[in-house]
């Protein structure tokens, strides 16, 4: 059975008349962007929000590494950064 509270409408294309849709007696909420399987898609089908969020996450991780490591040598920071940043990569690249 559907969870009516989780159902949303994502209108695609520029000239879409943006009709209102209903599921049984409930009007579905419009959304400008939705995330599914870790990928954020907006109504223009661009990945700009996804890229911005990923870059923010990576910068945060790298700042945390710099702040919490005693040795700032390349041998320490590079493998650590690579491992942690790899975990935040785009899932559908």
Protein backbone atom coordinates (compact mmCIF):
# COMPACT_ATOMS: atom_id res chain seq x y z
CA UNK A 1 0.00 0.00 0.00
CA UNK A 2 1.17 3.54 -0.74
CA UNK A 3 2.24 5.92 1.98
CA UNK A 4 0.23 8.95 0.85
CA UNK A 5 2.32 11.29 3.00
CA UNK A 6 5.49 10.39 1.10
CA UNK A 7 4.04 10.77 -2.41
CA UNK A 8 5.09 13.97 -4.20
CA UNK A 9 4.94 15.40 -7.71
CA UNK A 10 8.11 16.49 -9.48
CA UNK A 11 7.21 18.44 -12.62
CA UNK A 12 9.73 18.05 -15.42
CA UNK A 13 10.28 20.17 -18.55
CA UNK A 14 9.91 23.90 -19.03
CA UNK A 15 6.47 24.14 -20.59
CA UNK A 16 4.74 21.75 -18.23
CA UNK A 17 1.25 23.06 -17.32
CA UNK A 18 1.89 21.90 -13.71
CA UNK A 19 -1.42 20.19 -13.10
CA UNK A 20 -2.44 19.25 -9.59
CA UNK A 21 -2.58 15.53 -8.92
CA UNK A 22 -4.51 13.53 -6.36
CA UNK A 23 -4.04 10.12 -4.82
CA UNK A 24 -7.47 9.00 -3.70
CA UNK A 25 -8.83 12.11 -1.97
CA UNK A 26 -5.46 13.63 -1.05
CA UNK A 27 -3.84 16.29 -3.19
CA UNK A 28 -0.17 15.47 -3.81
CA UNK A 29 2.47 17.98 -2.74
CA UNK A 30 4.63 19.58 -5.43
CA UNK A 31 8.37 19.34 -5.05
CA UNK A 32 11.15 21.20 -6.85
CA UNK A 33 13.77 18.52 -6.08
CA UNK A 34 13.78 14.97 -4.75
CA UNK A 35 16.43 12.50 -3.64
CA UNK A 36 16.22 8.83 -4.54
CA UNK A 37 18.95 6.21 -4.17
CA UNK A 38 21.31 8.96 -3.02
CA UNK A 39 20.88 11.08 -6.15
CA UNK A 40 19.29 14.53 -5.88
CA UNK A 41 17.34 15.52 -9.00
CA UNK A 42 15.57 18.82 -9.55
CA UNK A 43 12.80 19.76 -11.98
CA UNK A 44 15.35 20.95 -14.57
CA UNK A 45 17.13 17.57 -14.36
CA UNK A 46 20.39 19.26 -13.36
CA UNK A 47 22.80 17.93 -10.80
CA UNK A 48 23.93 21.35 -9.51
CA UNK A 49 22.39 20.90 -6.05
CA UNK A 50 23.89 17.41 -5.80
CA UNK A 51 27.34 18.74 -6.75
CA UNK A 52 27.11 21.61 -4.26
CA UNK A 53 26.09 19.31 -1.41
CA UNK A 54 28.83 16.81 -2.26
CA UNK A 55 31.50 19.54 -2.43
CA UNK A 56 30.34 20.88 0.94
CA UNK A 57 30.55 17.42 2.47
CA UNK A 58 34.04 16.79 1.04
CA UNK A 59 35.34 20.17 2.24
CA UNK A 60 33.96 19.46 5.69
CA UNK A 61 35.69 16.06 5.81
CA UNK A 62 39.00 17.52 4.68
CA UNK A 63 38.77 20.30 7.27
CA UNK A 64 38.11 17.71 9.96
CA UNK A 65 41.15 15.70 8.85
CA UNK A 66 43.41 18.76 8.90
CA UNK A 67 42.13 19.80 12.31
CA UNK A 68 42.50 16.38 13.94
CA UNK A 69 45.84 15.11 12.61
CA UNK A 70 49.12 15.88 14.33
CA UNK A 71 51.30 15.10 11.37
CA UNK A 72 50.50 17.13 8.31
CA UNK A 73 52.64 14.99 6.06
CA UNK A 74 51.46 13.83 2.69
CA UNK A 75 51.82 10.16 3.73
CA UNK A 76 49.15 10.64 6.42
CA UNK A 77 46.69 13.10 4.92
CA UNK A 78 46.47 11.74 1.35
CA UNK A 79 45.34 8.17 2.18
CA UNK A 80 42.96 9.43 4.85
CA UNK A 81 41.42 12.02 2.52
CA UNK A 82 41.14 9.54 -0.33
CA UNK A 83 39.36 6.95 1.80
CA UNK A 84 36.88 9.36 3.38
CA UNK A 85 36.17 11.39 0.25
CA UNK A 86 35.66 8.20 -1.78
CA UNK A 87 32.79 7.34 0.56
CA UNK A 88 30.95 10.56 -0.38
CA UNK A 89 31.32 10.28 -4.16
CA UNK A 90 28.30 10.63 -6.40
CA UNK A 91 26.51 7.27 -6.41
CA UNK A 92 25.50 7.45 -10.08
CA UNK A 93 28.57 9.04 -11.65
